[in-house]
Every structure is written in structure tokens, then in C-alpha cells.
C-alpha atoms as a PDB file:
ATOM      1  CA  MET A   1      12.458 -68.355 269.870  1.00  0.00           C
ATOM      2  CA  SER A   2      11.169 -71.348 267.919  1.00  0.00           C
ATOM      3  CA  ARG A   3       8.060 -73.122 269.177  1.00  0.00           C
ATOM      4  CA  ASN A   4       9.632 -76.423 268.112  1.00  0.00           C
ATOM      5  CA  LEU A   5      12.111 -76.428 271.014  1.00  0.00           C
ATOM      6  CA  LYS A   6      11.350 -78.621 273.997  1.00  0.00           C
ATOM      7  CA  ALA A   7      10.769 -76.861 277.318  1.00  0.00           C
ATOM      8  CA  ALA A   8      14.178 -77.969 278.682  1.00  0.00           C
ATOM      9  CA  ASP A   9      15.933 -76.695 275.552  1.00  0.00           C
ATOM     10  CA  ARG A  10      14.122 -73.339 275.782  1.00  0.00           C
ATOM     11  CA  THR A  11      15.187 -73.051 279.426  1.00  0.00           C
ATOM     12  CA  ARG A  12      18.838 -73.706 278.495  1.00  0.00           C
ATOM     13  CA  VAL A  13      18.705 -71.067 275.764  1.00  0.00           C
ATOM     14  CA  VAL A  14      17.149 -68.471 278.065  1.00  0.00           C
ATOM     15  CA  MET A  15      19.564 -69.252 280.910  1.00  0.00           C
ATOM     16  CA  SER A  16      22.568 -68.918 278.587  1.00  0.00           C
ATOM     17  CA  LEU A  17      21.330 -65.459 277.580  1.00  0.00           C
ATOM     18  CA  TYR A  18      21.015 -64.270 281.184  1.00  0.00           C
ATOM     19  CA  ARG A  19      24.228 -65.393 282.856  1.00  0.00           C
ATOM     20  CA  PRO A  20      25.069 -63.222 285.822  1.00  0.00           C
ATOM     21  CA  SER A  21      27.933 -60.854 285.114  1.00  0.00           C
ATOM     22  CA  ILE A  22      31.035 -61.031 287.254  1.00  0.00           C
ATOM     23  CA  SER A  23      32.118 -57.744 288.782  1.00  0.00           C
ATOM     24  CA  PRO A  24      35.650 -56.529 288.022  1.00  0.00           C
ATOM     25  CA  SER A  25      36.565 -56.698 291.722  1.00  0.00           C
ATOM     26  CA  THR A  26      35.425 -60.330 291.912  1.00  0.00           C
ATOM     27  CA  GLU A  27      37.524 -61.201 288.866  1.00  0.00           C
ATOM     28  CA  ARG A  28      40.598 -59.411 290.318  1.00  0.00           C
ATOM     29  CA  MET A  29      40.248 -61.355 293.576  1.00  0.00           C
ATOM     30  CA  ARG A  30      39.865 -64.642 291.678  1.00  0.00           C
ATOM     31  CA  LEU A  31      43.052 -63.916 289.709  1.00  0.00           C
ATOM     32  CA  HIS A  32      44.876 -62.844 292.893  1.00  0.00           C
ATOM     33  CA  ARG A  33      43.973 -66.108 294.638  1.00  0.00           C
ATOM     34  CA  ASP A  34      44.928 -68.153 291.586  1.00  0.00           C
ATOM     35  CA  ARG A  35      48.351 -66.457 291.418  1.00  0.00           C
ATOM     36  CA  ARG A  36      48.894 -66.951 295.161  1.00  0.00           C
ATOM     37  CA  ARG A  37      48.102 -70.688 294.834  1.00  0.00           C
ATOM     38  CA  ARG A  38      50.708 -70.903 292.064  1.00  0.00           C
ATOM     39  CA  GLY A  39      53.291 -69.028 294.163  1.00  0.00           C
ATOM     40  CA  LEU A  40      53.253 -65.925 291.965  1.00  0.00           C
ATOM     41  CA  ARG A  41      53.117 -62.225 292.782  1.00  0.00           C
ATOM     42  CA  CYS A  42      51.816 -59.512 290.491  1.00  0.00           C
ATOM     43  CA  LEU A  43      54.020 -56.400 290.398  1.00  0.00           C
ATOM     44  CA  THR A  44      54.005 -53.190 288.423  1.00  0.00           C
ATOM     45  CA  ILE A  45      57.507 -52.097 287.516  1.00  0.00           C
ATOM     46  CA  GLU A  46      59.074 -49.277 285.546  1.00  0.00           C
ATOM     47  CA  LEU A  47      61.862 -49.990 283.077  1.00  0.00           C
ATOM     48  CA  ARG A  48      64.358 -47.458 281.797  1.00  0.00           C
ATOM     49  CA  GLU A  49      64.965 -47.200 278.071  1.00  0.00           C
ATOM     50  CA  ALA A  50      68.531 -48.311 278.807  1.00  0.00           C
ATOM     51  CA  GLU A  51      67.191 -51.531 280.371  1.00  0.00           C
ATOM     52  CA  ILE A  52      65.063 -52.215 277.300  1.00  0.00           C
ATOM     53  CA  ASP A  53      68.151 -51.520 275.169  1.00  0.00           C
ATOM     54  CA  ALA A  54      70.047 -54.085 277.250  1.00  0.00           C
ATOM     55  CA  LEU A  55      67.342 -56.710 276.606  1.00  0.00           C
ATOM     56  CA  ILE A  56      67.756 -56.003 272.882  1.00  0.00           C
ATOM     57  CA  ARG A  57      71.576 -56.261 273.071  1.00  0.00           C
ATOM     58  CA  MET A  58      71.259 -59.548 274.946  1.00  0.00           C
ATOM     59  CA  GLY A  59      69.125 -60.912 272.111  1.00  0.00           C
ATOM     60  CA  LEU A  60      66.065 -61.340 274.330  1.00  0.00           C
ATOM     61  CA  LEU A  61      64.000 -58.676 272.565  1.00  0.00           C
ATOM     62  CA  ARG A  62      63.815 -57.621 268.918  1.00  0.00           C
ATOM     63  CA  ALA A  63      64.455 -53.908 268.405  1.00  0.00           C
ATOM     64  CA  GLU A  64      61.164 -53.445 266.546  1.00  0.00           C
ATOM     65  CA  ALA A  65      59.286 -54.921 269.549  1.00  0.00           C
ATOM     66  CA  ARG A  66      60.626 -52.392 272.086  1.00  0.00           C
ATOM     67  CA  ASN A  67      57.179 -50.742 272.415  1.00  0.00           C
ATOM     68  CA  ASN A  68      55.275 -54.029 272.499  1.00  0.00           C
ATOM     69  CA  LEU A  69      54.526 -54.490 276.210  1.00  0.00           C
ATOM     70  CA  PRO A  70      53.879 -58.274 276.087  1.00  0.00           C
ATOM     71  CA  ALA A  71      57.151 -58.754 274.162  1.00  0.00           C
ATOM     72  CA  VAL A  72      59.099 -56.682 276.711  1.00  0.00           C
ATOM     73  CA  ARG A  73      57.474 -58.641 279.553  1.00  0.00           C
ATOM     74  CA  ASP A  74      58.430 -61.953 277.928  1.00  0.00           C
ATOM     75  CA  ALA A  75      61.998 -60.740 277.366  1.00  0.00           C
ATOM     76  CA  LEU A  76      62.222 -59.755 281.020  1.00  0.00           C
ATOM     77  CA  TYR A  77      60.914 -63.194 282.047  1.00  0.00           C
ATOM     78  CA  ASP A  78      63.576 -64.793 279.832  1.00  0.00           C
ATOM     79  CA  HIS A  79      66.240 -62.624 281.469  1.00  0.00           C
ATOM     80  CA  PHE A  80      65.056 -63.678 284.934  1.00  0.00           C
ATOM     81  CA  GLU A  81      65.118 -67.328 283.904  1.00  0.00           C
ATOM     82  CA  HIS A  82      68.663 -67.041 282.496  1.00  0.00           C
ATOM     83  CA  THR A  83      70.048 -65.136 285.480  1.00  0.00           C
ATOM     84  CA  LEU A  84      68.018 -66.503 288.389  1.00  0.00           C
ATOM     85  CA  GLY A  85      67.270 -69.984 287.092  1.00  0.00           C
ATOM     86  CA  SER A  86      63.918 -71.518 286.369  1.00  0.00           C
ATOM     87  CA  ALA A  87      61.334 -71.917 289.086  1.00  0.00           C
ATOM     88  CA  PRO A  88      61.245 -75.262 290.912  1.00  0.00           C
END
């Protein structure tokens, strides 16, 4: 560390290097509470290949993206929005 830094600047540099780490369980709980505040639920679901094929036929998913999990998730969200309506 340079000797030309003021004491306050040196303290800021050192403190930025030693930020406490957040445990995975703490981060999961933070995300859970954030979703709950926004009225969301986190679910794990299984989709059949036929259901992914249906998303492709409906034009909500490109065929080459069938193994791209974020793309499938977004297509499923689009399907929900078209069939159930958008959230209030």
C-alpha cells in the first residue's frame, strides 16, 4: 500500500478488502423475503419434452433454445401471461 495515502483513505482500502462474507443460507433467506414482499413464490417444476415442444409450436420458444433453461423459463412465463393474464 502506498505511503502517500491519507489515513482515512488507507482505512477505506483495507475495509474494502475485508468485507464480511454472506453465508449462502443468509442470501437464500434474503431472496425468499424479497420474493414474498413482491408476492412471488419460488417453485421447482418438471416439464415434459412434449410441453417444451408445445412452447415451440406456440412460438414462445425457439427450437434451438429447447435446452437453454433461462429461455424455457421465459417462454413458460410468456405462456402464463398469455393464458392467465398479467399480474396486477
